[in-house]
């Protein structure tokens, strides 16, 4: 059994990582997690959490942090630096552009299927260009369900992720490619 340590901003992000990784991985794995609230907290505690995950027998590590309004290069450098001294050598920093919800918007059919919507959600050509993917998901679901669905990211993200197709996320989200490559290489 491989133990994958996941450091993320929220439990719902860990659930999305788990659901998507299971679509790619061939090896059996379990996730051990550390959850912070926001990128500042992740940077501050990343090394301590990584050490704790190492003590819990994690041999792979994924730090997942939404880009929000940062630059990819700057945030990546800060998060990589925060992990300096980490004993888990097989690790990756994953930065969903804007928010992890952009990955979910990338598969419009998954959103439609997750809620059994009669009116299908339209394709979002470039979900990483959406300024507020959470708000877009909320609006799309309210409109397509005729007010029947009230989107809550903490509960609903994993529901969509379970229906998502990896090929659609790869085609529409450049930030998903690092995630997919790491999972395929380290859990494949």
C-alpha atoms as a PDB file:
ATOM      1  CA  UNK A   1       0.000   0.000   0.000  1.00  0.00           C
ATOM      2  CA  UNK A   2       1.301   3.437  -0.961  1.00  0.00           C
ATOM      3  CA  UNK A   3       0.518   6.335   1.353  1.00  0.00           C
ATOM      4  CA  UNK A   4       0.074   9.670  -0.386  1.00  0.00           C
ATOM      5  CA  UNK A   5       0.328  12.701   1.860  1.00  0.00           C
ATOM      6  CA  UNK A   6      -1.850  15.587   0.725  1.00  0.00           C
ATOM      7  CA  UNK A   7      -1.486  19.085   2.108  1.00  0.00           C
ATOM      8  CA  UNK A   8      -4.362  21.276   0.954  1.00  0.00           C
ATOM      9  CA  UNK A   9      -6.425  24.301   1.881  1.00  0.00           C
ATOM     10  CA  UNK A  10      -9.625  22.385   2.672  1.00  0.00           C
ATOM     11  CA  UNK A  11     -11.000  18.898   3.234  1.00  0.00           C
ATOM     12  CA  UNK A  12     -13.047  19.282   0.047  1.00  0.00           C
ATOM     13  CA  UNK A  13      -9.819  19.839  -1.935  1.00  0.00           C
ATOM     14  CA  UNK A  14      -8.409  16.601  -0.498  1.00  0.00           C
ATOM     15  CA  UNK A  15     -11.628  14.793  -1.485  1.00  0.00           C
ATOM     16  CA  UNK A  16     -11.325  16.114  -5.062  1.00  0.00           C
ATOM     17  CA  UNK A  17      -7.640  15.077  -5.214  1.00  0.00           C
ATOM     18  CA  UNK A  18      -8.609  11.602  -3.983  1.00  0.00           C
ATOM     19  CA  UNK A  19     -11.457  11.188  -6.484  1.00  0.00           C
ATOM     20  CA  UNK A  20      -9.388  12.378  -9.443  1.00  0.00           C
ATOM     21  CA  UNK A  21      -6.251  10.448  -8.464  1.00  0.00           C
ATOM     22  CA  UNK A  22      -8.268   7.204  -8.287  1.00  0.00           C
ATOM     23  CA  UNK A  23      -9.252   7.711 -11.935  1.00  0.00           C
ATOM     24  CA  UNK A  24      -5.567   7.799 -12.937  1.00  0.00           C
ATOM     25  CA  UNK A  25      -3.681   5.578 -10.479  1.00  0.00           C
ATOM     26  CA  UNK A  26      -3.195   1.898 -11.037  1.00  0.00           C
ATOM     27  CA  UNK A  27      -1.541   1.216  -7.667  1.00  0.00           C
ATOM     28  CA  UNK A  28      -3.476   0.856  -4.437  1.00  0.00           C
ATOM     29  CA  UNK A  29      -3.049   3.927  -2.286  1.00  0.00           C
ATOM     30  CA  UNK A  30      -4.436   5.665   0.758  1.00  0.00           C
ATOM     31  CA  UNK A  31      -4.376   9.353   1.526  1.00  0.00           C
ATOM     32  CA  UNK A  32      -3.165  10.932   4.723  1.00  0.00           C
ATOM     33  CA  UNK A  33      -3.846  14.643   4.935  1.00  0.00           C
ATOM     34  CA  UNK A  34      -3.006  17.948   6.527  1.00  0.00           C
ATOM     35  CA  UNK A  35      -5.443  20.788   5.956  1.00  0.00           C
ATOM     36  CA  UNK A  36      -4.812  24.501   6.340  1.00  0.00           C
ATOM     37  CA  UNK A  37      -6.980  27.461   5.565  1.00  0.00           C
ATOM     38  CA  UNK A  38      -5.395  29.581   2.838  1.00  0.00           C
ATOM     39  CA  UNK A  39      -2.023  29.724   1.112  1.00  0.00           C
ATOM     40  CA  UNK A  40      -0.328  31.731   3.866  1.00  0.00           C
ATOM     41  CA  UNK A  41      -1.074  29.062   6.429  1.00  0.00           C
ATOM     42  CA  UNK A  42       0.043  26.321   4.015  1.00  0.00           C
ATOM     43  CA  UNK A  43       3.378  28.069   3.512  1.00  0.00           C
ATOM     44  CA  UNK A  44       3.883  28.565   7.225  1.00  0.00           C
ATOM     45  CA  UNK A  45       3.098  24.965   8.247  1.00  0.00           C
ATOM     46  CA  UNK A  46       3.992  22.951   5.120  1.00  0.00           C
ATOM     47  CA  UNK A  47       7.271  21.553   6.410  1.00  0.00           C
ATOM     48  CA  UNK A  48       5.892  20.586   9.824  1.00  0.00           C
ATOM     49  CA  UNK A  49       2.883  18.926   8.198  1.00  0.00           C
ATOM     50  CA  UNK A  50       5.125  17.142   5.674  1.00  0.00           C
ATOM     51  CA  UNK A  51       7.251  15.809   8.559  1.00  0.00           C
ATOM     52  CA  UNK A  52       4.121  14.541  10.287  1.00  0.00           C
ATOM     53  CA  UNK A  53       2.923  12.880   7.076  1.00  0.00           C
ATOM     54  CA  UNK A  54       6.363  11.259   6.742  1.00  0.00           C
ATOM     55  CA  UNK A  55       5.954   9.898  10.291  1.00  0.00           C
ATOM     56  CA  UNK A  56       2.622   8.466   9.100  1.00  0.00           C
ATOM     57  CA  UNK A  57       4.533   6.476   6.442  1.00  0.00           C
ATOM     58  CA  UNK A  58       3.727   8.675   3.448  1.00  0.00           C
ATOM     59  CA  UNK A  59       6.213   8.042   0.653  1.00  0.00           C
ATOM     60  CA  UNK A  60       4.633  10.535  -1.776  1.00  0.00           C
ATOM     61  CA  UNK A  61       3.550  14.102  -1.066  1.00  0.00           C
ATOM     62  CA  UNK A  62       1.296  16.518  -2.917  1.00  0.00           C
ATOM     63  CA  UNK A  63       0.861  20.109  -1.791  1.00  0.00           C
ATOM     64  CA  UNK A  64      -2.249  21.587  -3.435  1.00  0.00           C
ATOM     65  CA  UNK A  65      -2.900  25.318  -3.241  1.00  0.00           C
ATOM     66  CA  UNK A  66      -5.263  27.460  -5.333  1.00  0.00           C
ATOM     67  CA  UNK A  67      -3.581  30.214  -7.330  1.00  0.00           C
ATOM     68  CA  UNK A  68      -6.241  32.806  -6.497  1.00  0.00           C
ATOM     69  CA  UNK A  69      -4.661  36.174  -7.408  1.00  0.00           C
ATOM     70  CA  UNK A  70      -0.981  35.150  -7.120  1.00  0.00           C
ATOM     71  CA  UNK A  71       1.404  34.533  -9.995  1.00  0.00           C
ATOM     72  CA  UNK A  72       2.119  30.862 -10.695  1.00  0.00           C
ATOM     73  CA  UNK A  73       5.898  31.347 -10.619  1.00  0.00           C
ATOM     74  CA  UNK A  74       5.846  33.269  -7.327  1.00  0.00           C
ATOM     75  CA  UNK A  75       3.447  30.926  -5.518  1.00  0.00           C
ATOM     76  CA  UNK A  76       5.227  27.835  -6.814  1.00  0.00           C
ATOM     77  CA  UNK A  77       8.587  29.182  -5.618  1.00  0.00           C
ATOM     78  CA  UNK A  78       7.204  30.038  -2.169  1.00  0.00           C
ATOM     79  CA  UNK A  79       5.519  26.647  -1.720  1.00  0.00           C
ATOM     80  CA  UNK A  80       8.573  24.758  -2.989  1.00  0.00           C
ATOM     81  CA  UNK A  81      10.757  26.723  -0.575  1.00  0.00           C
ATOM     82  CA  UNK A  82       8.329  25.973   2.253  1.00  0.00           C
ATOM     83  CA  UNK A  83       8.991  22.258   1.691  1.00  0.00           C
ATOM     84  CA  UNK A  84      12.794  22.578   1.841  1.00  0.00           C
ATOM     85  CA  UNK A  85      14.087  19.922   4.218  1.00  0.00           C
ATOM     86  CA  UNK A  86      11.097  17.641   3.589  1.00  0.00           C
ATOM     87  CA  UNK A  87      12.048  13.982   3.990  1.00  0.00           C
ATOM     88  CA  UNK A  88       9.528  12.843   1.364  1.00  0.00           C
ATOM     89  CA  UNK A  89      11.545  13.055  -1.840  1.00  0.00           C
ATOM     90  CA  UNK A  90       8.740  12.116  -4.229  1.00  0.00           C
ATOM     91  CA  UNK A  91       6.674  15.264  -4.018  1.00  0.00           C
ATOM     92  CA  UNK A  92       4.929  17.837  -6.141  1.00  0.00           C
ATOM     93  CA  UNK A  93       3.400  21.282  -5.729  1.00  0.00           C
ATOM     94  CA  UNK A  94       0.082  21.510  -7.594  1.00  0.00           C
ATOM     95  CA  UNK A  95      -1.443  24.923  -8.219  1.00  0.00           C
ATOM     96  CA  UNK A  96      -4.925  24.885  -9.775  1.00  0.00           C
ATOM     97  CA  UNK A  97      -5.241  28.127 -11.741  1.00  0.00           C
ATOM     98  CA  UNK A  98      -7.624  30.402  -9.907  1.00  0.00           C
ATOM     99  CA  UNK A  99      -9.271  27.584  -7.901  1.00  0.00           C
ATOM    100  CA  UNK A 100      -9.660  23.817  -7.983  1.00  0.00           C
ATOM    101  CA  UNK A 101     -13.245  24.469  -9.086  1.00  0.00           C
ATOM    102  CA  UNK A 102     -11.862  25.462 -12.513  1.00  0.00           C
ATOM    103  CA  UNK A 103     -10.899  21.805 -12.958  1.00  0.00           C
ATOM    104  CA  UNK A 104     -14.505  20.846 -12.236  1.00  0.00           C
ATOM    105  CA  UNK A 105     -15.842  23.408 -14.715  1.00  0.00           C
ATOM    106  CA  UNK A 106     -13.602  21.767 -17.345  1.00  0.00           C
ATOM    107  CA  UNK A 107     -15.991  18.816 -17.576  1.00  0.00           C
ATOM    108  CA  UNK A 108     -19.431  20.261 -18.205  1.00  0.00           C
ATOM    109  CA  UNK A 109     -20.867  16.765 -18.658  1.00  0.00           C
ATOM    110  CA  UNK A 110     -19.662  15.785 -15.170  1.00  0.00           C
ATOM    111  CA  UNK A 111     -21.490  18.767 -13.686  1.00  0.00           C
ATOM    112  CA  UNK A 112     -24.639  17.806 -15.598  1.00  0.00           C
ATOM    113  CA  UNK A 113     -24.374  14.141 -14.548  1.00  0.00           C
ATOM    114  CA  UNK A 114     -23.574  14.839 -10.891  1.00  0.00           C
ATOM    115  CA  UNK A 115     -26.885  16.651 -10.477  1.00  0.00           C
ATOM    116  CA  UNK A 116     -28.931  14.781 -13.101  1.00  0.00           C
ATOM    117  CA  UNK A 117     -29.750  18.110 -14.726  1.00  0.00           C
ATOM    118  CA  UNK A 118     -32.382  18.068 -17.452  1.00  0.00           C
ATOM    119  CA  UNK A 119     -30.811  21.157 -19.017  1.00  0.00           C
ATOM    120  CA  UNK A 120     -27.157  20.308 -19.723  1.00  0.00           C
ATOM    121  CA  UNK A 121     -24.374  22.605 -18.621  1.00  0.00           C
ATOM    122  CA  UNK A 122     -22.611  24.244 -21.555  1.00  0.00           C
ATOM    123  CA  UNK A 123     -18.946  23.603 -22.288  1.00  0.00           C
ATOM    124  CA  UNK A 124     -16.492  26.058 -20.737  1.00  0.00           C
ATOM    125  CA  UNK A 125     -13.674  26.350 -23.287  1.00  0.00           C
ATOM    126  CA  UNK A 126     -11.094  27.839 -20.911  1.00  0.00           C
ATOM    127  CA  UNK A 127     -12.164  27.325 -17.287  1.00  0.00           C
ATOM    128  CA  UNK A 128      -8.846  28.641 -15.965  1.00  0.00           C
ATOM    129  CA  UNK A 129      -9.748  32.069 -17.356  1.00  0.00           C
ATOM    130  CA  UNK A 130     -12.867  32.268 -15.165  1.00  0.00           C
ATOM    131  CA  UNK A 131     -12.140  34.819 -12.450  1.00  0.00           C
ATOM    132  CA  UNK A 132     -14.253  33.093  -9.762  1.00  0.00           C
ATOM    133  CA  UNK A 133     -14.895  29.426 -10.648  1.00  0.00           C
ATOM    134  CA  UNK A 134     -16.846  28.775  -7.417  1.00  0.00           C
ATOM    135  CA  UNK A 135     -19.251  31.594  -8.213  1.00  0.00           C
ATOM    136  CA  UNK A 136     -19.559  30.389 -11.817  1.00  0.00           C
ATOM    137  CA  UNK A 137     -20.416  26.849 -10.667  1.00  0.00           C
ATOM    138  CA  UNK A 138     -22.954  28.244  -8.216  1.00  0.00           C
ATOM    139  CA  UNK A 139     -24.595  30.377 -10.924  1.00  0.00           C
ATOM    140  CA  UNK A 140     -24.569  27.646 -13.574  1.00  0.00           C
ATOM    141  CA  UNK A 141     -26.104  25.090 -11.214  1.00  0.00           C
ATOM    142  CA  UNK A 142     -28.772  27.492 -10.008  1.00  0.00           C
ATOM    143  CA  UNK A 143     -29.692  28.416 -13.581  1.00  0.00           C
ATOM    144  CA  UNK A 144     -29.579  24.901 -15.090  1.00  0.00           C
ATOM    145  CA  UNK A 145     -31.452  23.316 -12.176  1.00  0.00           C
ATOM    146  CA  UNK A 146     -34.017  26.142 -12.151  1.00  0.00           C
ATOM    147  CA  UNK A 147     -33.121  26.920  -8.532  1.00  0.00           C
ATOM    148  CA  UNK A 148     -33.400  23.304  -7.397  1.00  0.00           C
ATOM    149  CA  UNK A 149     -29.651  22.918  -6.668  1.00  0.00           C
ATOM    150  CA  UNK A 150     -27.842  25.124  -4.181  1.00  0.00           C
ATOM    151  CA  UNK A 151     -24.124  24.546  -4.757  1.00  0.00           C
ATOM    152  CA  UNK A 152     -21.858  24.219  -1.722  1.00  0.00           C
ATOM    153  CA  UNK A 153     -18.228  23.606  -2.670  1.00  0.00           C
ATOM    154  CA  UNK A 154     -17.445  21.851   0.616  1.00  0.00           C
ATOM    155  CA  UNK A 155     -19.923  19.089  -0.217  1.00  0.00           C
ATOM    156  CA  UNK A 156     -20.487  19.231  -3.958  1.00  0.00           C
ATOM    157  CA  UNK A 157     -16.958  19.397  -5.403  1.00  0.00           C
ATOM    158  CA  UNK A 158     -16.259  15.716  -4.784  1.00  0.00           C
ATOM    159  CA  UNK A 159     -19.624  14.826  -6.324  1.00  0.00           C
ATOM    160  CA  UNK A 160     -18.580  16.495  -9.578  1.00  0.00           C
ATOM    161  CA  UNK A 161     -15.024  15.090  -9.392  1.00  0.00           C
ATOM    162  CA  UNK A 162     -16.391  11.550  -9.217  1.00  0.00           C
ATOM    163  CA  UNK A 163     -18.085  12.100 -12.585  1.00  0.00           C
ATOM    164  CA  UNK A 164     -15.197  13.996 -14.210  1.00  0.00           C
ATOM    165  CA  UNK A 165     -13.214  12.582 -17.122  1.00  0.00           C
ATOM    166  CA  UNK A 166      -9.460  13.017 -16.946  1.00  0.00           C
ATOM    167  CA  UNK A 167      -9.141  13.633 -20.700  1.00  0.00           C
ATOM    168  CA  UNK A 168     -11.455  16.661 -20.478  1.00  0.00           C
ATOM    169  CA  UNK A 169      -9.525  18.139 -17.565  1.00  0.00           C
ATOM    170  CA  UNK A 170      -6.231  17.621 -19.406  1.00  0.00           C
ATOM    171  CA  UNK A 171      -7.619  19.254 -22.543  1.00  0.00           C
ATOM    172  CA  UNK A 172      -8.947  22.379 -20.798  1.00  0.00           C
ATOM    173  CA  UNK A 173      -6.746  22.953 -17.738  1.00  0.00           C
ATOM    174  CA  UNK A 174      -2.996  23.305 -18.104  1.00  0.00           C
ATOM    175  CA  UNK A 175      -2.604  23.271 -14.315  1.00  0.00           C
ATOM    176  CA  UNK A 176      -4.131  19.764 -14.180  1.00  0.00           C
ATOM    177  CA  UNK A 177      -1.283  18.309 -16.264  1.00  0.00           C
ATOM    178  CA  UNK A 178       1.240  18.356 -13.397  1.00  0.00           C
ATOM    179  CA  UNK A 179      -1.247  16.638 -11.121  1.00  0.00           C
ATOM    180  CA  UNK A 180      -2.007  13.943 -13.696  1.00  0.00           C
ATOM    181  CA  UNK A 181       1.670  13.343 -14.513  1.00  0.00           C
ATOM    182  CA  UNK A 182       2.622  12.986 -10.848  1.00  0.00           C
ATOM    183  CA  UNK A 183      -0.210  10.561 -10.117  1.00  0.00           C
ATOM    184  CA  UNK A 184       0.512   8.494 -13.242  1.00  0.00           C
ATOM    185  CA  UNK A 185       4.235   8.347 -12.450  1.00  0.00           C
ATOM    186  CA  UNK A 186       4.093   7.893  -8.676  1.00  0.00           C
ATOM    187  CA  UNK A 187       0.878   5.865  -8.309  1.00  0.00           C
ATOM    188  CA  UNK A 188       0.790   4.228 -11.707  1.00  0.00           C
END
